[in-house]
């Protein structure tokens, strides 16, 4: 019988993309506190290495849109720690040039799709074989509440990319379920991260329009999302796969919010 007080992720190897800030950093801290060996992947060497040092983990600088780099980062994690038990595919961008479909250019569209969707495809593609050899694993892909809801303040490529992450996660969760590999899509609501802070700084009115729709009346903190990721990574969620895991402050359940 397992000890319920033992760290839930004790000795497991977790690879986190976009680990240098926001949800990725908060999750690295949470995973480490729960006993995991954490591999921090980020394009930014300064922030990514700082987080790896903070959690006593391994840093890998990688462009997760590059197939060779993604293959190599999982191989490096296995060489260092012996396995890949958890893959938190979290890297993503939301640039200001991704806006209404009427104004968003093809270059901006493609860049967001590459970082937000293609990178998740590559990370799943190269994490799953390691998990197949082990006969188990948990993959958590960062989608968004906009994957299940529409917004008039559109970021068209971002929304489409997150819808793709959700659909892909569902399919992989079904396909590999009987091999002991669970795949779930994390769908956060708006989170108090550098991306959101930048939006507030550049367009306070647009940011305020988002806040009014949250029943809890505030944005999530990265640590709250990290707690949800840790749950999905752990055996506490052992009967969950192909799931749309909304952590959105009630947005997706609301019609009229409190005053």
Protein backbone atom coordinates (compact mmCIF):
# COMPACT_ATOMS: atom_id res chain seq x y z
CA UNK A 1 0.00 0.00 0.00
CA UNK A 2 1.33 3.45 -0.92
CA UNK A 3 1.95 6.03 1.75
CA UNK A 4 -0.63 8.81 1.26
CA UNK A 5 1.76 11.31 2.84
CA UNK A 6 4.65 10.50 0.50
CA UNK A 7 5.45 13.00 -2.28
CA UNK A 8 3.18 12.07 -5.18
CA UNK A 9 5.88 12.39 -7.82
CA UNK A 10 8.79 10.94 -5.85
CA UNK A 11 11.58 9.88 -8.22
CA UNK A 12 9.61 10.54 -11.39
CA UNK A 13 11.16 12.40 -14.28
CA UNK A 14 9.20 15.38 -15.58
CA UNK A 15 10.03 17.32 -18.74
CA UNK A 16 8.50 20.79 -18.85
CA UNK A 17 8.58 23.00 -21.94
CA UNK A 18 8.24 26.73 -21.50
CA UNK A 19 9.68 26.23 -18.03
CA UNK A 20 11.35 29.61 -17.74
CA UNK A 21 8.36 31.66 -16.64
CA UNK A 22 4.67 31.72 -15.78
CA UNK A 23 2.87 28.39 -15.54
CA UNK A 24 6.00 26.48 -16.56
CA UNK A 25 8.10 27.90 -13.75
CA UNK A 26 5.35 27.45 -11.18
CA UNK A 27 4.92 23.83 -12.27
CA UNK A 28 8.66 23.16 -12.06
CA UNK A 29 8.58 24.39 -8.46
CA UNK A 30 5.51 22.31 -7.67
CA UNK A 31 6.88 19.14 -9.29
CA UNK A 32 10.16 19.49 -7.42
CA UNK A 33 8.30 19.97 -4.14
CA UNK A 34 6.49 16.71 -4.84
CA UNK A 35 9.73 14.80 -5.37
CA UNK A 36 10.15 14.84 -9.16
CA UNK A 37 13.38 15.18 -11.11
CA UNK A 38 12.61 18.17 -13.28
CA UNK A 39 13.95 18.85 -16.76
CA UNK A 40 13.38 22.51 -17.61
CA UNK A 41 13.19 23.24 -21.33
CA UNK A 42 13.11 26.80 -22.63
CA UNK A 43 14.39 28.83 -25.56
CA UNK A 44 15.54 31.53 -23.15
CA UNK A 45 18.74 30.26 -21.56
CA UNK A 46 18.80 32.82 -18.75
CA UNK A 47 15.30 32.22 -17.40
CA UNK A 48 15.27 28.49 -18.11
CA UNK A 49 18.58 27.85 -16.40
CA UNK A 50 17.53 29.99 -13.42
CA UNK A 51 14.46 27.82 -12.88
CA UNK A 52 16.46 24.60 -13.29
CA UNK A 53 18.94 25.83 -10.70
CA UNK A 54 16.07 26.81 -8.40
CA UNK A 55 14.60 23.30 -8.45
CA UNK A 56 17.90 21.39 -8.61
CA UNK A 57 17.00 20.08 -12.03
CA UNK A 58 18.39 19.92 -15.53
CA UNK A 59 18.17 22.72 -18.10
CA UNK A 60 17.91 22.13 -21.84
CA UNK A 61 17.84 25.03 -24.26
CA UNK A 62 15.64 24.00 -27.17
CA UNK A 63 13.41 25.36 -29.88
CA UNK A 64 10.42 23.05 -29.48
CA UNK A 65 9.30 23.70 -33.05
CA UNK A 66 12.46 21.90 -34.22
CA UNK A 67 12.01 18.15 -34.57
CA UNK A 68 15.64 17.24 -33.94
CA UNK A 69 15.77 19.43 -30.85
CA UNK A 70 12.65 17.83 -29.39
CA UNK A 71 13.91 14.30 -30.05
CA UNK A 72 17.22 15.19 -28.45
CA UNK A 73 15.76 16.76 -25.33
CA UNK A 74 13.87 13.60 -24.37
CA UNK A 75 16.94 11.49 -25.12
CA UNK A 76 18.97 13.77 -22.84
CA UNK A 77 16.39 13.44 -20.06
CA UNK A 78 16.56 9.64 -20.30
CA UNK A 79 20.36 9.69 -20.35
CA UNK A 80 20.44 11.86 -17.21
CA UNK A 81 17.59 10.36 -15.19
CA UNK A 82 16.64 7.07 -16.85
CA UNK A 83 13.05 7.73 -17.92
CA UNK A 84 10.40 10.20 -19.03
CA UNK A 85 7.44 9.74 -16.71
CA UNK A 86 5.73 13.11 -17.16
CA UNK A 87 5.68 15.43 -20.16
CA UNK A 88 4.15 18.84 -19.56
CA UNK A 89 3.97 20.40 -23.01
CA UNK A 90 3.43 24.00 -22.09
CA UNK A 91 5.43 26.27 -24.41
CA UNK A 92 3.27 28.83 -26.15
CA UNK A 93 3.05 32.39 -27.45
CA UNK A 94 0.33 34.99 -27.86
CA UNK A 95 1.80 37.87 -29.89
CA UNK A 96 -0.09 41.15 -30.40
CA UNK A 97 -0.12 40.69 -34.18
CA UNK A 98 -2.41 37.67 -33.66
CA UNK A 99 -5.75 39.45 -33.54
CA UNK A 100 -8.95 39.41 -35.58
CA UNK A 101 -8.98 37.15 -38.63
CA UNK A 102 -9.45 40.32 -40.67
CA UNK A 103 -6.13 41.79 -39.56
CA UNK A 104 -3.93 38.80 -38.67
CA UNK A 105 -1.39 38.07 -41.38
CA UNK A 106 -0.41 34.64 -42.60
CA UNK A 107 3.07 34.91 -41.09
CA UNK A 108 1.65 35.59 -37.62
CA UNK A 109 -0.88 32.78 -38.06
CA UNK A 110 1.82 30.28 -38.98
CA UNK A 111 4.20 31.30 -36.19
CA UNK A 112 1.56 30.83 -33.50
CA UNK A 113 0.53 27.47 -34.95
CA UNK A 114 4.16 26.33 -35.00
CA UNK A 115 4.85 27.23 -31.38
CA UNK A 116 1.47 26.40 -29.83
CA UNK A 117 0.38 23.34 -31.81
CA UNK A 118 3.25 21.85 -33.82
CA UNK A 119 5.50 21.87 -30.75
CA UNK A 120 2.92 19.87 -28.79
CA UNK A 121 2.65 17.42 -31.69
CA UNK A 122 6.44 16.97 -31.70
CA UNK A 123 6.68 16.65 -27.92
CA UNK A 124 3.99 13.97 -27.84
CA UNK A 125 5.54 12.20 -30.83
CA UNK A 126 8.90 11.81 -29.10
CA UNK A 127 7.78 11.44 -25.48
CA UNK A 128 5.34 8.58 -26.15
CA UNK A 129 7.92 5.99 -27.32
CA UNK A 130 9.83 6.41 -24.04
CA UNK A 131 6.60 5.92 -22.14
CA UNK A 132 5.70 2.87 -24.23
CA UNK A 133 8.95 1.21 -23.20
CA UNK A 134 8.12 1.90 -19.55
CA UNK A 135 4.48 0.88 -19.91
CA UNK A 136 3.28 4.10 -18.28
CA UNK A 137 3.38 7.86 -18.42
CA UNK A 138 1.37 11.04 -18.07
CA UNK A 139 1.26 13.75 -20.72
CA UNK A 140 -0.32 17.11 -19.97
CA UNK A 141 -0.78 19.47 -22.90
CA UNK A 142 -1.56 23.13 -22.25
CA UNK A 143 -4.66 24.09 -24.21
CA UNK A 144 -6.94 26.90 -22.98
CA UNK A 145 -10.51 27.71 -22.10
CA UNK A 146 -10.67 29.39 -25.52
CA UNK A 147 -10.49 25.89 -26.99
CA UNK A 148 -14.09 25.39 -25.81
CA UNK A 149 -15.44 28.97 -25.96
CA UNK A 150 -15.44 31.82 -28.45
CA UNK A 151 -14.25 35.37 -27.81
CA UNK A 152 -15.17 38.58 -29.59
CA UNK A 153 -11.75 39.93 -28.54
CA UNK A 154 -10.21 37.40 -30.87
CA UNK A 155 -6.70 36.04 -31.11
CA UNK A 156 -7.61 33.85 -34.03
CA UNK A 157 -4.49 31.74 -34.43
CA UNK A 158 -4.07 31.28 -30.67
CA UNK A 159 -7.67 30.09 -30.31
CA UNK A 160 -7.35 27.75 -33.28
CA UNK A 161 -4.04 26.36 -32.01
CA UNK A 162 -5.49 25.60 -28.59
CA UNK A 163 -8.49 23.90 -30.19
CA UNK A 164 -6.01 21.73 -32.05
CA UNK A 165 -4.16 20.88 -28.84
CA UNK A 166 -7.44 19.86 -27.22
CA UNK A 167 -8.48 17.60 -30.10
CA UNK A 168 -5.03 16.03 -30.39
CA UNK A 169 -4.85 15.37 -26.65
CA UNK A 170 -8.22 13.67 -26.70
CA UNK A 171 -7.21 11.43 -29.58
CA UNK A 172 -3.86 10.46 -28.08
CA UNK A 173 -5.49 9.81 -24.72
CA UNK A 174 -7.80 7.30 -26.35
CA UNK A 175 -5.17 5.76 -28.63
CA UNK A 176 -2.60 5.00 -25.94
CA UNK A 177 -4.86 4.40 -22.94
CA UNK A 178 -4.33 0.64 -22.83
CA UNK A 179 -0.56 1.09 -22.89
CA UNK A 180 -0.70 2.89 -19.56
CA UNK A 181 -0.14 6.32 -21.09
CA UNK A 182 -2.55 9.04 -20.07
CA UNK A 183 -2.93 12.24 -22.12
CA UNK A 184 -4.98 15.15 -20.81
CA UNK A 185 -5.49 18.72 -21.97
CA UNK A 186 -5.16 21.42 -19.35
CA UNK A 187 -7.46 24.34 -20.14
CA UNK A 188 -6.59 27.33 -17.94
CA UNK A 189 -8.59 30.51 -17.81
CA UNK A 190 -6.70 33.82 -17.84
CA UNK A 191 -3.59 33.53 -15.66
CA UNK A 192 -1.51 36.27 -14.05
CA UNK A 193 1.59 35.63 -16.14
CA UNK A 194 3.98 37.90 -18.08
CA UNK A 195 1.84 37.37 -21.21
CA UNK A 196 -1.27 38.71 -19.47
CA UNK A 197 0.64 41.51 -17.75
CA UNK A 198 1.90 42.62 -21.15
CA UNK A 199 -1.68 42.70 -22.42
CA UNK A 200 -2.73 44.85 -19.47
CA UNK A 201 0.13 47.24 -20.11
CA UNK A 202 -0.57 47.57 -23.82
CA UNK A 203 -4.39 47.45 -23.82
CA UNK A 204 -5.98 47.81 -20.36
CA UNK A 205 -9.49 48.07 -21.81
CA UNK A 206 -9.15 44.80 -23.68
CA UNK A 207 -7.75 43.09 -20.57
CA UNK A 208 -10.55 44.46 -18.38
CA UNK A 209 -13.11 43.00 -20.77
CA UNK A 210 -11.75 39.56 -19.92
CA UNK A 211 -11.87 40.03 -16.16
CA UNK A 212 -15.58 40.83 -16.02
CA UNK A 213 -16.46 37.36 -17.36
CA UNK A 214 -14.76 35.43 -14.54
CA UNK A 215 -17.22 34.42 -11.78
CA UNK A 216 -14.42 34.28 -9.19
CA UNK A 217 -13.62 37.89 -10.05
CA UNK A 218 -9.88 37.55 -10.58
CA UNK A 219 -7.23 35.93 -12.74
CA UNK A 220 -5.59 32.66 -11.71
CA UNK A 221 -2.16 32.63 -10.16
CA UNK A 222 0.42 30.38 -11.86
CA UNK A 223 0.72 28.29 -8.68
CA UNK A 224 -2.99 27.43 -8.90
CA UNK A 225 -2.56 26.10 -12.42
CA UNK A 226 0.58 24.24 -11.34
CA UNK A 227 -1.46 22.46 -8.67
CA UNK A 228 -3.81 21.22 -11.38
CA UNK A 229 -0.87 20.03 -13.50
CA UNK A 230 0.57 18.14 -10.52
CA UNK A 231 -2.77 16.41 -10.04
CA UNK A 232 -2.88 15.33 -13.69
CA UNK A 233 0.74 14.16 -13.50
CA UNK A 234 0.15 12.09 -10.36
CA UNK A 235 -1.63 8.81 -9.68
CA UNK A 236 -4.42 10.82 -8.05
CA UNK A 237 -5.76 11.22 -11.60
CA UNK A 238 -5.09 7.61 -12.60
CA UNK A 239 -8.57 7.11 -14.10
CA UNK A 240 -8.43 10.28 -16.20
CA UNK A 241 -7.35 10.40 -19.81
CA UNK A 242 -8.51 12.15 -22.99
CA UNK A 243 -9.89 14.77 -20.62
CA UNK A 244 -10.64 18.47 -21.03
CA UNK A 245 -9.47 19.74 -17.64
CA UNK A 246 -10.85 23.25 -17.19
CA UNK A 247 -9.30 25.43 -14.48
CA UNK A 248 -10.97 28.68 -15.44
CA UNK A 249 -12.53 30.37 -12.42
CA UNK A 250 -15.97 29.38 -13.63
CA UNK A 251 -15.86 31.12 -17.02
CA UNK A 252 -17.04 28.14 -19.04
CA UNK A 253 -20.01 27.59 -16.71
CA UNK A 254 -21.20 31.18 -16.63
CA UNK A 255 -23.96 33.05 -18.46
CA UNK A 256 -24.26 36.12 -16.23
CA UNK A 257 -21.51 36.79 -13.68
CA UNK A 258 -21.90 38.41 -10.25
CA UNK A 259 -21.73 42.21 -10.11
